[in-house]
Amino acid sequence: MAQQTPPNFPDILGTITGGLRYNFGFVQAALAVRPRVVRAGRPFEAIILLQNVTDAPIDAQVVLKIPDRDAKRKKGRFVAKTRKLIVGLEAAEVGYVTLPINCLPDTAIGQDYRIGVDIKTRLVDKNTKPKRIRLPEGGGTVEMDMLSNSLRGEIASLQSLAFDVMSQSILGSTVEVPFAVMSGRAGTLATLKAGWTSLWTIKDHLDDRLLLQRYHQTLKAMVLPNIRRKQSYNMLLRQTESAFSKAGFPLRPIEQFLVAKLLTLILEYAAPSEGDAAHGALAAGVYNVLPLLDETRLADETPFTLPHWVSRFLRVVAQDERAARFPMQAIAHFCYYDLVRDAANHAFTMLEVATGENLGTEEERKVYVDQFMEILNPENNLQLDFAHAWMPLVLGGLIIFDRVLLSDEDVGEILQEIRGIVAARNEYRDESTEPIFSIAERLIEQALMKYGYRAK
């Protein structure tokens, strides 16, 4: 069997330091002094970059070491209120510790001062077996366009500092950096505080591959097996009723039913059933997630695209891993609108196949779906109209409603409800909406004929 290439997460620390790093247990580190030339009588800071190289949470203890004497052998010229700080780093997290130091006004001028830090790390959960996700010589390439604007600015600011990893102790737990003191005088001191600043976590990255590398086993073992039809449908039905009402176009019960069925099908496509034409891998297409959960595929650099709801769910889990224990609650609450986007895209594809109609180019359909999602989003306070409510979700539901039947549902009763769906919305029928009504009538006729009912 070919050896699997381990994931190599972005080297945020190396991007800042120009590749300089020192490995301390579960972290890589580098140290800088800000400013590098200190005026006597002024405060300055030790900046300690830390990069978690594992997929597990860790605690890092940072202990500051300041010069005991100045260049004239006088004691106590450097004072630090906080000399020790313990910070918790999430899996793969990168950030920096700030420890302020005061330089007294009568400190001797000198070029050969050094600040040091002693770093020790431990696992938060000693029972875990962490995997290394950054190599000792550095992590993967940082794609700046995958980072937020604020993080790019923070990185640029830190890159102006002179980081160093010189003079490690024999035991390898200490790193030092040189600095100089120049003449100055006492003045109004800036307020500097010790603390931890998080720069990057997995959820801050815009690349789905990293999140999938981190949580593919979680999806395979905890999430997908616990997406059950009845629970999914019931929760999505409630969310659909609420979402469309908030958007100003409350759906009738049969319309809610059709939309919720379509959303449920998209979820089931994530782990399609083998040997089932309606739910197999061929029918699921790009909404089938299982092939992407293979470690060989994840190690392959070939691009892939996740369903929108999966991409969102991975970020929810990265924010709070408890979401993986209650996947349907998390999906319905946090990923509903992403799931709707997936369902809308799939519905358009099905409608073209089922009707033979030209429903626009790929770009035109994308613009339409984007507009629909903007209207449906309650934060935008826009008014949903009949056309966007029905096209494509309700129409898509007319095609697939019988593929996700519950044990207590009767197809005959459902078809009786579907018979009257067009007449109930007749007030919206005009020249602009006629194509939607026409497609609906054809789909209803096909459904009735499929089960031996007359259309009229």
Protein backbone atom coordinates (compact mmCIF):
# COMPACT_ATOMS: atom_id res chain seq x y z
CA MET A 1 0.00 0.00 0.00
CA ALA A 2 1.31 3.43 -0.91
CA GLN A 3 2.29 5.57 2.03
CA GLN A 4 -0.11 8.44 2.64
CA THR A 5 1.27 11.94 2.51
CA PRO A 6 0.33 13.71 5.75
CA PRO A 7 -1.50 17.03 5.47
CA ASN A 8 0.75 20.07 5.66
CA PHE A 9 -1.29 23.03 6.85
CA PRO A 10 -0.40 26.61 5.85
CA ASP A 11 2.83 27.90 7.36
CA ILE A 12 1.54 31.17 8.81
CA LEU A 13 4.52 31.46 11.16
CA GLY A 14 7.05 30.89 8.38
CA THR A 15 5.30 33.43 6.17
CA ILE A 16 5.81 36.02 8.92
CA THR A 17 9.38 35.09 9.85
CA GLY A 18 10.71 34.31 6.38
CA GLY A 19 10.98 30.61 7.24
CA LEU A 20 12.67 31.02 10.62
CA ARG A 21 11.29 28.74 13.34
CA TYR A 22 12.18 26.58 16.29
CA ASN A 23 10.28 23.42 17.28
CA PHE A 24 9.18 23.15 20.90
CA GLY A 25 7.12 20.01 21.50
CA PHE A 26 3.75 20.59 19.86
CA VAL A 27 4.50 24.11 18.60
CA GLN A 28 6.83 26.01 16.36
CA ALA A 29 7.96 29.38 17.69
CA ALA A 30 9.89 32.53 16.93
CA LEU A 31 10.66 35.61 19.03
CA ALA A 32 10.92 39.32 18.32
CA VAL A 33 11.31 42.51 20.32
CA ARG A 34 9.18 45.52 19.47
CA PRO A 35 10.91 47.92 18.97
CA ARG A 36 14.28 46.25 18.37
CA VAL A 37 16.10 49.41 19.56
CA VAL A 38 14.65 50.45 22.92
CA ARG A 39 14.86 53.94 24.38
CA ALA A 40 15.86 53.99 28.04
CA GLY A 41 12.84 54.93 30.15
CA ARG A 42 10.37 53.47 27.65
CA PRO A 43 8.44 50.19 27.57
CA PHE A 44 8.86 47.57 24.87
CA GLU A 45 7.39 44.16 24.10
CA ALA A 46 8.48 40.59 23.58
CA ILE A 47 6.42 39.07 20.73
CA ILE A 48 6.35 35.27 20.75
CA LEU A 49 4.86 33.62 17.67
CA LEU A 50 3.37 30.16 18.31
CA GLN A 51 2.12 27.70 15.68
CA ASN A 52 0.39 24.47 16.71
CA VAL A 53 1.74 21.65 14.54
CA THR A 54 -0.91 19.11 15.58
CA ASP A 55 -4.60 18.47 15.02
CA ALA A 56 -5.29 18.60 18.76
CA PRO A 57 -5.77 21.42 21.31
CA ILE A 58 -2.67 22.16 23.39
CA ASP A 59 -1.57 24.42 26.22
CA ALA A 60 1.67 26.36 25.81
CA GLN A 61 3.51 27.86 28.78
CA VAL A 62 5.68 30.85 27.93
CA VAL A 63 8.15 32.12 30.54
CA LEU A 64 9.95 35.42 29.88
CA LYS A 65 13.66 35.83 30.66
CA ILE A 66 14.92 39.40 30.92
CA PRO A 67 18.47 40.66 31.48
CA ASP A 68 19.49 40.53 35.17
CA ARG A 69 21.91 43.44 34.73
CA ASP A 70 22.48 46.22 32.25
CA ALA A 71 25.72 46.97 30.38
CA LYS A 72 27.17 48.63 33.50
CA ARG A 73 26.29 45.59 35.66
CA LYS A 74 23.47 47.36 37.45
CA LYS A 75 20.65 45.09 38.58
CA GLY A 76 16.94 45.60 38.09
CA ARG A 77 17.10 47.89 35.04
CA PHE A 78 14.49 45.77 33.25
CA VAL A 79 11.14 45.08 34.86
CA ALA A 80 8.33 42.81 33.63
CA LYS A 81 5.04 42.64 35.50
CA THR A 82 4.04 39.41 33.76
CA ARG A 83 6.77 36.86 33.25
CA LYS A 84 4.68 33.74 32.66
CA LEU A 85 1.61 33.16 30.52
CA ILE A 86 -0.22 29.95 29.67
CA VAL A 87 -2.26 30.03 26.46
CA GLY A 88 -4.55 27.46 24.91
CA LEU A 89 -4.17 26.82 21.19
CA GLU A 90 -6.84 25.12 19.15
CA ALA A 91 -5.91 22.45 16.64
CA ALA A 92 -3.54 23.99 14.05
CA GLU A 93 -3.97 27.47 15.57
CA VAL A 94 -1.39 30.22 15.07
CA GLY A 95 -1.03 33.38 17.16
CA TYR A 96 1.31 35.39 19.30
CA VAL A 97 1.94 36.18 22.95
CA THR A 98 2.72 39.75 23.98
CA LEU A 99 4.76 40.32 27.16
CA PRO A 100 5.52 43.97 28.04
CA ILE A 101 8.83 45.02 29.64
CA ASN A 102 9.84 48.35 31.17
CA CYS A 103 13.32 49.72 30.63
CA LEU A 104 14.28 52.13 33.45
CA PRO A 105 15.51 55.67 32.54
CA ASP A 106 19.04 55.07 33.85
CA THR A 107 19.59 51.82 31.95
CA ALA A 108 23.03 51.73 30.34
CA ILE A 109 23.25 52.10 26.57
CA GLY A 110 24.24 48.84 24.88
CA GLN A 111 24.00 46.72 21.73
CA ASP A 112 24.24 43.21 23.17
CA TYR A 113 21.15 42.75 25.30
CA ARG A 114 19.03 39.63 24.93
CA ILE A 115 15.47 38.71 25.77
CA GLY A 116 14.62 35.03 26.03
CA VAL A 117 11.53 32.87 26.46
CA ASP A 118 11.23 29.36 27.76
CA ILE A 119 8.42 27.40 26.08
CA LYS A 120 6.80 24.15 27.21
CA THR A 121 3.71 22.48 25.72
CA ARG A 122 1.25 19.78 26.69
CA LEU A 123 -1.89 18.21 25.28
CA VAL A 124 -5.16 19.45 26.73
CA ASP A 125 -6.50 15.89 26.57
CA LYS A 126 -3.75 13.45 27.47
CA ASN A 127 -5.77 10.56 26.06
CA THR A 128 -5.70 11.91 22.51
CA LYS A 129 -3.17 10.82 19.93
CA PRO A 130 -2.43 13.97 17.96
CA LYS A 131 -1.46 13.86 14.29
CA ARG A 132 1.18 16.18 12.97
CA ILE A 133 -0.31 18.54 10.41
CA ARG A 134 2.76 20.76 9.83
CA LEU A 135 6.20 19.41 9.03
CA PRO A 136 9.17 20.26 11.32
CA GLU A 137 10.78 22.34 8.59
CA GLY A 138 7.58 24.25 7.94
CA GLY A 139 3.96 24.04 6.86
CA GLY A 140 2.39 24.31 3.45
CA THR A 141 2.25 27.33 1.19
CA VAL A 142 0.05 30.17 2.41
CA GLU A 143 -2.35 31.30 -0.29
CA MET A 144 -3.00 34.89 0.71
CA ASP A 145 -6.28 35.08 -1.18
CA MET A 146 -7.55 32.33 1.12
CA LEU A 147 -7.09 34.65 4.11
CA SER A 148 -9.30 37.46 5.33
CA ASN A 149 -8.30 41.08 4.68
CA SER A 150 -7.76 41.68 8.40
CA LEU A 151 -5.41 38.71 8.70
CA ARG A 152 -3.41 39.79 5.66
CA GLY A 153 -2.95 43.18 7.32
CA GLU A 154 -1.89 41.59 10.59
CA ILE A 155 0.66 39.40 8.83
CA ALA A 156 2.10 42.39 6.98
CA SER A 157 2.49 44.27 10.27
CA LEU A 158 4.29 41.37 11.95
CA GLN A 159 6.56 40.86 8.93
CA SER A 160 8.15 44.23 9.71
CA LEU A 161 9.60 42.79 12.94
CA ALA A 162 12.97 41.05 13.14
CA PHE A 163 12.23 37.57 14.47
CA ASP A 164 14.97 35.29 15.70
CA VAL A 165 15.48 31.81 17.19
CA MET A 166 19.09 32.09 18.40
CA SER A 167 20.87 30.69 21.44
CA GLN A 168 18.64 27.79 22.35
CA SER A 169 19.43 26.10 25.62
CA ILE A 170 20.93 22.62 25.70
CA LEU A 171 17.51 21.20 26.54
CA GLY A 172 15.99 23.05 23.61
CA SER A 173 13.26 24.88 25.50
CA THR A 174 14.57 28.44 25.28
CA VAL A 175 14.81 30.90 22.41
CA GLU A 176 16.48 34.32 22.51
CA VAL A 177 16.56 37.48 20.44
CA PRO A 178 19.02 40.41 20.66
CA PHE A 179 18.03 44.03 21.18
CA ALA A 180 19.72 47.35 21.85
CA VAL A 181 19.15 50.20 24.32
CA MET A 182 19.75 53.82 23.33
CA SER A 183 19.59 56.94 25.46
CA GLY A 184 16.21 58.36 26.33
CA ARG A 185 14.30 59.96 29.09
CA ALA A 186 11.26 59.18 31.14
CA GLY A 187 7.96 60.30 29.69
CA THR A 188 4.34 59.24 29.50
CA LEU A 189 4.47 55.48 29.19
CA ALA A 190 2.24 53.63 26.77
CA THR A 191 -0.10 51.08 28.35
CA LEU A 192 1.10 47.67 27.25
CA LYS A 193 -0.67 44.51 28.37
CA ALA A 194 0.33 40.89 28.38
CA GLY A 195 -1.92 38.70 26.32
CA TRP A 196 -2.60 36.27 23.48
CA THR A 197 -3.69 37.25 19.98
CA SER A 198 -5.06 34.51 17.74
CA LEU A 199 -4.08 34.98 14.11
CA TRP A 200 -5.35 31.87 12.38
CA THR A 201 -7.45 28.80 13.06
CA ILE A 202 -8.78 26.22 10.63
CA LYS A 203 -12.18 27.93 10.48
CA ASP A 204 -10.57 31.22 9.40
CA HIS A 205 -9.23 29.65 6.22
CA LEU A 206 -11.39 29.79 3.12
CA ASP A 207 -10.08 26.54 1.64
CA ASP A 208 -12.42 23.57 2.16
CA ARG A 209 -9.56 21.08 1.73
CA LEU A 210 -7.99 21.93 5.10
CA LEU A 211 -11.28 21.59 6.92
CA LEU A 212 -12.04 18.31 5.21
CA GLN A 213 -8.57 16.98 6.05
CA ARG A 214 -9.23 17.83 9.68
CA TYR A 215 -12.81 16.57 9.94
CA HIS A 216 -13.27 13.89 7.26
CA GLN A 217 -13.37 11.12 9.86
CA THR A 218 -15.90 13.12 11.87
CA LEU A 219 -18.14 13.40 8.82
CA LYS A 220 -17.76 9.72 7.98
CA ALA A 221 -18.24 8.30 11.49
CA MET A 222 -20.48 10.80 13.31
CA VAL A 223 -22.32 13.09 10.91
CA LEU A 224 -23.43 11.25 7.77
CA PRO A 225 -24.61 8.07 9.57
CA ASN A 226 -26.82 10.23 11.82
CA ILE A 227 -28.70 12.05 9.06
CA ARG A 228 -32.00 10.20 9.31
CA ARG A 229 -34.89 10.87 6.98
CA LYS A 230 -37.75 11.49 9.40
CA GLN A 231 -35.77 13.78 11.68
CA SER A 232 -34.22 15.60 8.72
CA TYR A 233 -37.56 16.17 7.02
CA ASN A 234 -39.34 17.36 10.17
CA MET A 235 -36.62 19.81 11.12
CA LEU A 236 -36.25 21.15 7.59
CA LEU A 237 -40.02 21.48 7.26
CA ARG A 238 -40.11 23.77 10.31
CA GLN A 239 -37.17 25.81 9.03
CA THR A 240 -38.79 26.15 5.62
CA GLU A 241 -42.05 27.41 7.09
CA SER A 242 -40.14 29.98 9.15
CA ALA A 243 -37.73 31.11 6.40
CA PHE A 244 -40.37 31.76 3.74
CA SER A 245 -42.67 33.50 6.22
CA LYS A 246 -39.86 35.81 7.28
CA ALA A 247 -39.19 36.55 3.61
CA GLY A 248 -42.77 37.73 3.16
CA PHE A 249 -44.23 34.83 1.15
CA PRO A 250 -45.62 32.16 3.53
CA LEU A 251 -45.84 28.79 1.82
CA ARG A 252 -48.93 26.62 1.94
CA PRO A 253 -48.49 23.25 3.70
CA ILE A 254 -48.17 21.29 0.45
CA GLU A 255 -45.54 23.76 -0.80
CA GLN A 256 -43.60 23.47 2.45
CA PHE A 257 -43.83 19.70 2.06
CA LEU A 258 -42.32 19.78 -1.44
CA VAL A 259 -39.46 22.11 -0.50
CA ALA A 260 -38.59 20.12 2.63
CA LYS A 261 -38.57 16.89 0.61
CA LEU A 262 -36.10 18.39 -1.85
CA LEU A 263 -33.83 19.60 0.97
CA THR A 264 -33.98 16.18 2.63
CA LEU A 265 -32.96 14.51 -0.62
CA ILE A 266 -29.90 16.74 -0.95
CA LEU A 267 -28.81 15.70 2.55
CA GLU A 268 -29.31 12.02 1.74
CA TYR A 269 -27.26 12.41 -1.42
CA ALA A 270 -24.22 13.16 0.79
CA ALA A 271 -24.01 9.41 1.53
CA PRO A 272 -25.97 7.76 -1.30
CA SER A 273 -27.38 4.26 -1.02
CA GLU A 274 -25.74 1.63 -3.17
CA GLY A 275 -28.02 -0.20 -5.59
CA ASP A 276 -30.77 2.42 -5.31
CA ALA A 277 -31.34 4.23 -8.59
CA ALA A 278 -33.04 7.18 -6.87
CA HIS A 279 -30.38 7.54 -4.17
CA GLY A 280 -27.27 6.02 -5.71
CA ALA A 281 -24.00 7.74 -6.51
CA LEU A 282 -25.07 8.46 -10.09
CA ALA A 283 -28.21 10.28 -8.96
CA ALA A 284 -26.33 12.09 -6.17
CA GLY A 285 -23.66 13.43 -8.50
CA VAL A 286 -21.70 16.35 -7.02
CA TYR A 287 -23.71 16.17 -3.78
CA ASN A 288 -22.12 12.81 -2.94
CA VAL A 289 -19.49 13.55 -0.29
CA LEU A 290 -18.24 10.02 0.40
CA PRO A 291 -15.55 9.90 -2.33
CA LEU A 292 -13.96 13.02 -0.84
CA LEU A 293 -13.59 11.43 2.60
CA ASP A 294 -10.89 9.06 1.39
CA GLU A 295 -7.41 9.94 2.64
CA THR A 296 -5.86 9.22 -0.74
CA ARG A 297 -8.24 11.64 -2.41
CA LEU A 298 -7.58 14.27 0.25
CA ALA A 299 -3.84 13.98 -0.33
CA ASP A 300 -4.40 14.49 -4.06
CA GLU A 301 -4.09 18.14 -5.06
CA THR A 302 -6.80 17.80 -7.72
CA PRO A 303 -9.41 20.50 -6.97
CA PHE A 304 -12.83 19.52 -5.68
CA THR A 305 -16.02 21.35 -4.78
CA LEU A 306 -18.09 20.56 -1.70
CA PRO A 307 -21.83 21.09 -1.48
CA HIS A 308 -22.48 24.48 0.10
CA TRP A 309 -24.08 22.96 3.19
CA VAL A 310 -21.06 20.71 3.86
CA SER A 311 -18.67 23.64 3.50
CA ARG A 312 -20.70 25.61 6.02
CA PHE A 313 -21.06 22.67 8.39
CA LEU A 314 -17.29 22.13 8.51
CA ARG A 315 -16.88 25.72 9.69
CA VAL A 316 -19.57 25.21 12.31
CA VAL A 317 -17.72 22.15 13.62
CA ALA A 318 -14.42 24.05 13.58
CA GLN A 319 -16.10 26.69 15.74
CA ASP A 320 -17.64 24.15 18.12
CA GLU A 321 -16.96 20.43 17.69
CA ARG A 322 -20.07 19.56 19.72
CA ALA A 323 -22.06 20.27 16.56
CA ALA A 324 -20.86 16.95 15.16
CA ARG A 325 -22.71 15.11 17.95
CA PHE A 326 -26.02 16.70 16.95
CA PRO A 327 -25.64 17.05 13.18
CA MET A 328 -29.27 17.60 12.16
CA GLN A 329 -29.84 20.30 14.76
CA ALA A 330 -26.66 22.05 13.59
CA ILE A 331 -27.48 21.66 9.90
CA ALA A 332 -31.05 22.93 10.27
CA HIS A 333 -29.99 25.88 12.39
CA PHE A 334 -26.68 26.96 10.86
CA CYS A 335 -26.67 25.50 7.33
CA TYR A 336 -30.28 25.88 6.18
CA TYR A 337 -29.68 28.63 3.63
CA ASP A 338 -26.59 26.84 2.25
CA LEU A 339 -28.69 23.71 1.85
CA VAL A 340 -31.35 25.75 0.06
CA ARG A 341 -28.70 26.99 -2.39
CA ASP A 342 -27.64 23.41 -3.15
CA ALA A 343 -31.28 22.37 -3.60
CA ALA A 344 -31.98 25.29 -5.93
CA ASN A 345 -29.01 24.45 -8.14
CA HIS A 346 -30.01 20.79 -8.28
CA ALA A 347 -33.65 21.64 -8.96
CA PHE A 348 -32.73 23.65 -12.04
CA THR A 349 -30.77 20.68 -13.43
CA MET A 350 -33.68 18.30 -12.80
CA LEU A 351 -36.22 20.67 -14.30
CA GLU A 352 -34.32 20.91 -17.56
CA VAL A 353 -34.11 17.13 -17.79
CA ALA A 354 -37.77 16.57 -16.82
CA THR A 355 -39.26 19.25 -19.06
CA GLY A 356 -36.77 19.68 -21.89
CA GLU A 357 -37.07 23.43 -21.37
CA ASN A 358 -34.13 25.78 -21.76
CA LEU A 359 -33.95 27.41 -18.35
CA GLY A 360 -31.02 29.67 -19.15
CA THR A 361 -27.26 29.38 -19.24
CA GLU A 362 -25.26 28.25 -16.24
CA GLU A 363 -24.30 31.85 -15.53
CA GLU A 364 -27.91 33.06 -15.81
CA ARG A 365 -29.10 30.38 -13.41
CA LYS A 366 -26.31 31.27 -10.98
CA VAL A 367 -27.40 34.93 -11.04
CA TYR A 368 -31.01 33.88 -10.46
CA VAL A 369 -30.09 31.64 -7.50
CA ASP A 370 -27.89 34.37 -6.02
CA GLN A 371 -30.81 36.79 -6.29
CA PHE A 372 -33.18 34.27 -4.72
CA MET A 373 -30.81 33.65 -1.79
CA GLU A 374 -30.42 37.40 -1.27
CA ILE A 375 -34.20 37.83 -1.11
CA LEU A 376 -34.66 34.84 1.19
CA ASN A 377 -32.02 36.06 3.63
CA PRO A 378 -33.99 37.74 6.46
CA GLU A 379 -31.12 40.13 7.19
CA ASN A 380 -31.76 41.88 3.86
CA ASN A 381 -35.41 42.58 4.68
CA LEU A 382 -36.53 41.99 1.07
CA GLN A 383 -39.91 40.78 -0.19
CA LEU A 384 -40.06 37.30 -1.72
CA ASP A 385 -42.39 36.94 -4.70
CA PHE A 386 -44.30 34.00 -6.13
CA ALA A 387 -41.87 33.39 -8.98
CA HIS A 388 -38.82 33.01 -6.73
CA ALA A 389 -40.79 30.99 -4.18
CA TRP A 390 -41.85 28.41 -6.74
CA MET A 391 -38.96 28.46 -9.21
CA PRO A 392 -37.05 26.27 -8.68
CA LEU A 393 -37.70 24.78 -5.22
CA VAL A 394 -41.43 23.99 -5.30
CA LEU A 395 -41.17 22.76 -8.89
CA GLY A 396 -38.15 20.64 -7.98
CA GLY A 397 -40.11 19.14 -5.11
CA LEU A 398 -42.82 18.05 -7.57
CA ILE A 399 -40.23 15.91 -9.34
CA ILE A 400 -38.73 14.12 -6.32
CA PHE A 401 -41.35 14.06 -3.53
CA ASP A 402 -41.87 10.30 -3.84
CA ARG A 403 -38.13 9.56 -3.52
CA VAL A 404 -38.10 10.53 0.16
CA LEU A 405 -41.37 9.10 1.47
CA LEU A 406 -41.81 8.49 5.19
CA SER A 407 -43.23 5.22 6.47
CA ASP A 408 -46.57 6.81 7.44
CA GLU A 409 -47.12 8.72 4.19
CA ASP A 410 -49.56 7.69 1.47
CA VAL A 411 -48.76 8.62 -2.12
CA GLY A 412 -52.45 8.80 -3.05
CA GLU A 413 -53.15 11.37 -0.35
CA ILE A 414 -50.11 13.40 -1.39
CA LEU A 415 -51.24 13.42 -5.00
CA GLN A 416 -54.66 14.69 -3.97
CA GLU A 417 -52.93 17.62 -2.28
CA ILE A 418 -50.74 18.21 -5.31
CA ARG A 419 -53.78 18.28 -7.63
CA GLY A 420 -54.94 21.61 -6.18
CA ILE A 421 -51.55 23.32 -5.82
CA VAL A 422 -51.83 25.33 -9.06
CA ALA A 423 -55.41 26.49 -8.55
CA ALA A 424 -54.55 27.67 -5.03
CA ARG A 425 -52.01 30.15 -6.45
CA ASN A 426 -54.02 31.20 -9.50
CA GLU A 427 -54.06 34.83 -8.32
CA TYR A 428 -50.37 35.05 -9.28
CA ARG A 429 -50.95 33.74 -12.80
CA ASP A 430 -50.14 36.29 -15.48
CA GLU A 431 -48.01 36.58 -18.56
CA SER A 432 -44.74 36.72 -16.60
CA THR A 433 -45.51 33.68 -14.42
CA GLU A 434 -47.28 31.57 -17.07
CA PRO A 435 -44.13 29.50 -17.83
CA ILE A 436 -43.92 28.51 -14.14
CA PHE A 437 -47.58 27.46 -14.03
CA SER A 438 -47.20 25.58 -17.29
CA ILE A 439 -44.20 23.61 -15.99
CA ALA A 440 -46.02 22.86 -12.73
CA GLU A 441 -49.06 21.49 -14.57
CA ARG A 442 -46.87 19.22 -16.69
CA LEU A 443 -45.00 17.90 -13.65
CA ILE A 444 -48.25 17.27 -11.79
CA GLU A 445 -49.65 15.41 -14.79
CA GLN A 446 -46.52 13.24 -14.96
CA ALA A 447 -46.79 12.43 -11.24
CA LEU A 448 -50.47 11.50 -11.51
CA MET A 449 -49.92 9.31 -14.56
CA LYS A 450 -46.99 7.60 -12.87
CA TYR A 451 -49.33 6.25 -10.20
CA GLY A 452 -52.29 5.61 -12.49
CA TYR A 453 -54.35 8.71 -11.71
CA ARG A 454 -56.08 10.90 -14.25
CA ALA A 455 -54.74 14.42 -14.55
CA LYS A 456 -58.21 15.99 -14.81
